[in-house]
Structure formats: structure tokens, C-alpha cells
């Protein structure tokens, strides 16, 4: 199940940081922080 956790974190990080943050122009710091939190979770899992 761990691979599904990482995949979900990746989807969330991509959607939040790239699609919402870049394409849709959402600059709310809470949204960006949520995306970065997902990215950090991925990094922790692959250490």
C-alpha cells in the first residue's frame, strides 16, 4: 500500500503546486504549503 500513498502524495503535490498554483494562479500560502507538505512526504518515504 505504500506505493499508493506515494502516488497520492504525488498527485496532490502536482495538482496543488503545478496546476492550481501555476496555471490557475492560486497564490494563497496555505494552498502552496499543502502542496509542499505533500512533496516533503514523498521525500521522506523515499529516503
PDB file of N, CA and C in Angstrom:
ATOM      1  N   UNK A   1       0.805  -1.202   0.000  1.00  0.00           N
ATOM      2  CA  UNK A   1       0.000   0.000   0.000  1.00  0.00           C
ATOM      3  C   UNK A   1       0.847   1.264   0.000  1.00  0.00           C
ATOM      4  N   UNK A   2       2.098   1.146   0.363  1.00  0.00           N
ATOM      5  CA  UNK A   2       2.942   2.338   0.431  1.00  0.00           C
ATOM      6  C   UNK A   2       3.086   3.017  -0.930  1.00  0.00           C
ATOM      7  N   UNK A   3       3.128   2.211  -2.008  1.00  0.00           N
ATOM      8  CA  UNK A   3       3.252   2.819  -3.333  1.00  0.00           C
ATOM      9  C   UNK A   3       2.028   3.669  -3.671  1.00  0.00           C
ATOM     10  N   UNK A   4       0.867   3.285  -3.147  1.00  0.00           N
ATOM     11  CA  UNK A   4      -0.331   4.087  -3.387  1.00  0.00           C
ATOM     12  C   UNK A   4      -0.299   5.381  -2.580  1.00  0.00           C
ATOM     13  N   UNK A   5       0.298   5.333  -1.390  1.00  0.00           N
ATOM     14  CA  UNK A   5       0.461   6.547  -0.596  1.00  0.00           C
ATOM     15  C   UNK A   5       1.328   7.553  -1.348  1.00  0.00           C
ATOM     16  N   UNK A   6       2.444   7.070  -1.864  1.00  0.00           N
ATOM     17  CA  UNK A   6       3.359   7.950  -2.594  1.00  0.00           C
ATOM     18  C   UNK A   6       2.680   8.504  -3.844  1.00  0.00           C
ATOM     19  N   UNK A   7       1.941   7.669  -4.544  1.00  0.00           N
ATOM     20  CA  UNK A   7       1.234   8.124  -5.742  1.00  0.00           C
ATOM     21  C   UNK A   7       0.212   9.207  -5.398  1.00  0.00           C
ATOM     22  N   UNK A   8      -0.509   9.025  -4.306  1.00  0.00           N
ATOM     23  CA  UNK A   8      -1.479  10.043  -3.895  1.00  0.00           C
ATOM     24  C   UNK A   8      -0.792  11.344  -3.510  1.00  0.00           C
ATOM     25  N   UNK A   9       0.340  11.251  -2.794  1.00  0.00           N
ATOM     26  CA  UNK A   9       1.089  12.465  -2.459  1.00  0.00           C
ATOM     27  C   UNK A   9       1.567  13.168  -3.726  1.00  0.00           C
ATOM     28  N   UNK A  10       2.021  12.386  -4.707  1.00  0.00           N
ATOM     29  CA  UNK A  10       2.492  12.962  -5.963  1.00  0.00           C
ATOM     30  C   UNK A  10       1.363  13.664  -6.712  1.00  0.00           C
ATOM     31  N   UNK A  11       0.214  13.010  -6.799  1.00  0.00           N
ATOM     32  CA  UNK A  11      -0.937  13.630  -7.469  1.00  0.00           C
ATOM     33  C   UNK A  11      -1.335  14.933  -6.792  1.00  0.00           C
ATOM     34  N   UNK A  12      -1.393  14.887  -5.464  1.00  0.00           N
ATOM     35  CA  UNK A  12      -1.780  16.083  -4.719  1.00  0.00           C
ATOM     36  C   UNK A  12      -0.766  17.206  -4.888  1.00  0.00           C
ATOM     37  N   UNK A  13       0.513  16.876  -4.811  1.00  0.00           N
ATOM     38  CA  UNK A  13       1.551  17.894  -4.973  1.00  0.00           C
ATOM     39  C   UNK A  13       1.499  18.492  -6.380  1.00  0.00           C
ATOM     40  N   UNK A  14       1.366  17.645  -7.390  1.00  0.00           N
ATOM     41  CA  UNK A  14       1.300  18.117  -8.775  1.00  0.00           C
ATOM     42  C   UNK A  14       0.085  19.017  -8.986  1.00  0.00           C
ATOM     43  N   UNK A  15      -1.070  18.545  -8.532  1.00  0.00           N
ATOM     44  CA  UNK A  15      -2.283  19.345  -8.723  1.00  0.00           C
ATOM     45  C   UNK A  15      -2.205  20.678  -7.990  1.00  0.00           C
ATOM     46  N   UNK A  16      -1.717  20.646  -6.774  1.00  0.00           N
ATOM     47  CA  UNK A  16      -1.676  21.860  -5.970  1.00  0.00           C
ATOM     48  C   UNK A  16      -0.628  22.842  -6.468  1.00  0.00           C
ATOM     49  N   UNK A  17       0.596  22.367  -6.652  1.00  0.00           N
ATOM     50  CA  UNK A  17       1.689  23.276  -6.993  1.00  0.00           C
ATOM     51  C   UNK A  17       1.699  23.663  -8.467  1.00  0.00           C
ATOM     52  N   UNK A  18       1.494  22.710  -9.334  1.00  0.00           N
ATOM     53  CA  UNK A  18       1.625  22.987 -10.768  1.00  0.00           C
ATOM     54  C   UNK A  18       0.321  23.496 -11.375  1.00  0.00           C
ATOM     55  N   UNK A  19      -0.735  22.721 -11.220  1.00  0.00           N
ATOM     56  CA  UNK A  19      -1.988  23.107 -11.871  1.00  0.00           C
ATOM     57  C   UNK A  19      -2.662  24.283 -11.170  1.00  0.00           C
ATOM     58  N   UNK A  20      -2.874  24.142  -9.853  1.00  0.00           N
ATOM     59  CA  UNK A  20      -3.544  25.220  -9.132  1.00  0.00           C
ATOM     60  C   UNK A  20      -2.642  26.442  -8.973  1.00  0.00           C
ATOM     61  N   UNK A  21      -1.419  26.217  -8.533  1.00  0.00           N
ATOM     62  CA  UNK A  21      -0.520  27.325  -8.249  1.00  0.00           C
ATOM     63  C   UNK A  21      -0.015  28.036  -9.485  1.00  0.00           C
ATOM     64  N   UNK A  22       0.368  27.282 -10.499  1.00  0.00           N
ATOM     65  CA  UNK A  22       0.955  27.906 -11.690  1.00  0.00           C
ATOM     66  C   UNK A  22      -0.110  28.274 -12.716  1.00  0.00           C
ATOM     67  N   UNK A  23      -0.874  27.303 -13.173  1.00  0.00           N
ATOM     68  CA  UNK A  23      -1.831  27.569 -14.253  1.00  0.00           C
ATOM     69  C   UNK A  23      -3.025  28.390 -13.794  1.00  0.00           C
ATOM     70  N   UNK A  24      -3.541  28.077 -12.604  1.00  0.00           N
ATOM     71  CA  UNK A  24      -4.726  28.796 -12.141  1.00  0.00           C
ATOM     72  C   UNK A  24      -4.380  30.047 -11.341  1.00  0.00           C
ATOM     73  N   UNK A  25      -3.116  30.216 -11.016  1.00  0.00           N
ATOM     74  CA  UNK A  25      -2.673  31.429 -10.341  1.00  0.00           C
ATOM     75  C   UNK A  25      -3.067  31.541  -8.881  1.00  0.00           C
ATOM     76  N   UNK A  26      -3.311  30.415  -8.240  1.00  0.00           N
ATOM     77  CA  UNK A  26      -3.657  30.451  -6.822  1.00  0.00           C
ATOM     78  C   UNK A  26      -2.373  30.706  -6.035  1.00  0.00           C
ATOM     79  N   UNK A  27      -2.356  31.792  -5.284  1.00  0.00           N
ATOM     80  CA  UNK A  27      -1.147  32.165  -4.551  1.00  0.00           C
ATOM     81  C   UNK A  27      -1.348  32.151  -3.042  1.00  0.00           C
ATOM     82  N   UNK A  28      -2.458  31.612  -2.574  1.00  0.00           N
ATOM     83  CA  UNK A  28      -2.710  31.515  -1.144  1.00  0.00           C
ATOM     84  C   UNK A  28      -1.618  30.655  -0.504  1.00  0.00           C
ATOM     85  N   UNK A  29      -0.959  31.187   0.492  1.00  0.00           N
ATOM     86  CA  UNK A  29       0.171  30.484   1.100  1.00  0.00           C
ATOM     87  C   UNK A  29      -0.247  29.151   1.720  1.00  0.00           C
ATOM     88  N   UNK A  30      -1.476  29.030   2.174  1.00  0.00           N
ATOM     89  CA  UNK A  30      -1.937  27.762   2.754  1.00  0.00           C
ATOM     90  C   UNK A  30      -2.030  26.678   1.685  1.00  0.00           C
ATOM     91  N   UNK A  31      -2.429  27.057   0.482  1.00  0.00           N
ATOM     92  CA  UNK A  31      -2.521  26.097  -0.620  1.00  0.00           C
ATOM     93  C   UNK A  31      -1.124  25.641  -1.031  1.00  0.00           C
ATOM     94  N   UNK A  32      -0.206  26.587  -1.169  1.00  0.00           N
ATOM     95  CA  UNK A  32       1.171  26.256  -1.548  1.00  0.00           C
ATOM     96  C   UNK A  32       1.814  25.384  -0.468  1.00  0.00           C
ATOM     97  N   UNK A  33       1.580  25.724   0.797  1.00  0.00           N
ATOM     98  CA  UNK A  33       2.128  24.920   1.902  1.00  0.00           C
ATOM     99  C   UNK A  33       1.597  23.492   1.848  1.00  0.00           C
ATOM    100  N   UNK A  34       0.325  23.312   1.551  1.00  0.00           N
ATOM    101  CA  UNK A  34      -0.248  21.964   1.453  1.00  0.00           C
ATOM    102  C   UNK A  34       0.444  21.169   0.345  1.00  0.00           C
ATOM    103  N   UNK A  35       0.723  21.811  -0.788  1.00  0.00           N
ATOM    104  CA  UNK A  35       1.434  21.138  -1.876  1.00  0.00           C
ATOM    105  C   UNK A  35       2.852  20.773  -1.486  1.00  0.00           C
ATOM    106  N   UNK A  36       3.536  21.692  -0.803  1.00  0.00           N
ATOM    107  CA  UNK A  36       4.899  21.411  -0.359  1.00  0.00           C
ATOM    108  C   UNK A  36       4.924  20.318   0.707  1.00  0.00           C
ATOM    109  N   UNK A  37       3.921  20.295   1.570  1.00  0.00           N
ATOM    110  CA  UNK A  37       3.839  19.230   2.573  1.00  0.00           C
ATOM    111  C   UNK A  37       3.763  17.858   1.902  1.00  0.00           C
ATOM    112  N   UNK A  38       3.003  17.768   0.831  1.00  0.00           N
ATOM    113  CA  UNK A  38       2.930  16.502   0.083  1.00  0.00           C
ATOM    114  C   UNK A  38       4.277  16.156  -0.541  1.00  0.00           C
ATOM    115  N   UNK A  39       4.962  17.152  -1.071  1.00  0.00           N
ATOM    116  CA  UNK A  39       6.282  16.912  -1.662  1.00  0.00           C
ATOM    117  C   UNK A  39       7.259  16.423  -0.597  1.00  0.00           C
ATOM    118  N   UNK A  40       7.218  17.020   0.595  1.00  0.00           N
ATOM    119  CA  UNK A  40       8.104  16.585   1.681  1.00  0.00           C
ATOM    120  C   UNK A  40       7.780  15.158   2.125  1.00  0.00           C
ATOM    121  N   UNK A  41       6.502  14.784   2.120  1.00  0.00           N
ATOM    122  CA  UNK A  41       6.120  13.425   2.493  1.00  0.00           C
ATOM    123  C   UNK A  41       6.701  12.418   1.503  1.00  0.00           C
ATOM    124  N   UNK A  42       6.701  12.773   0.226  1.00  0.00           N
ATOM    125  CA  UNK A  42       7.306  11.896  -0.781  1.00  0.00           C
ATOM    126  C   UNK A  42       8.789  11.729  -0.503  1.00  0.00           C
ATOM    127  N   UNK A  43       9.475  12.831  -0.247  1.00  0.00           N
ATOM    128  CA  UNK A  43      10.908  12.775   0.014  1.00  0.00           C
ATOM    129  C   UNK A  43      11.222  11.935   1.242  1.00  0.00           C
ATOM    130  N   UNK A  44      10.410  12.045   2.279  1.00  0.00           N
ATOM    131  CA  UNK A  44      10.625  11.253   3.493  1.00  0.00           C
ATOM    132  C   UNK A  44      10.439   9.767   3.217  1.00  0.00           C
ATOM    133  N   UNK A  45       9.476   9.421   2.379  1.00  0.00           N
ATOM    134  CA  UNK A  45       9.202   8.000   2.096  1.00  0.00           C
ATOM    135  C   UNK A  45      10.300   7.359   1.265  1.00  0.00           C
ATOM    136  N   UNK A  46      10.979   8.143   0.422  1.00  0.00           N
ATOM    137  CA  UNK A  46      11.993   7.542  -0.453  1.00  0.00           C
ATOM    138  C   UNK A  46      13.395   7.614   0.133  1.00  0.00           C
ATOM    139  N   UNK A  47      13.539   8.198   1.311  1.00  0.00           N
ATOM    140  CA  UNK A  47      14.859   8.234   1.945  1.00  0.00           C
ATOM    141  C   UNK A  47      15.334   6.852   2.301  1.00  0.00           C
TER     142      UNK A  47
END
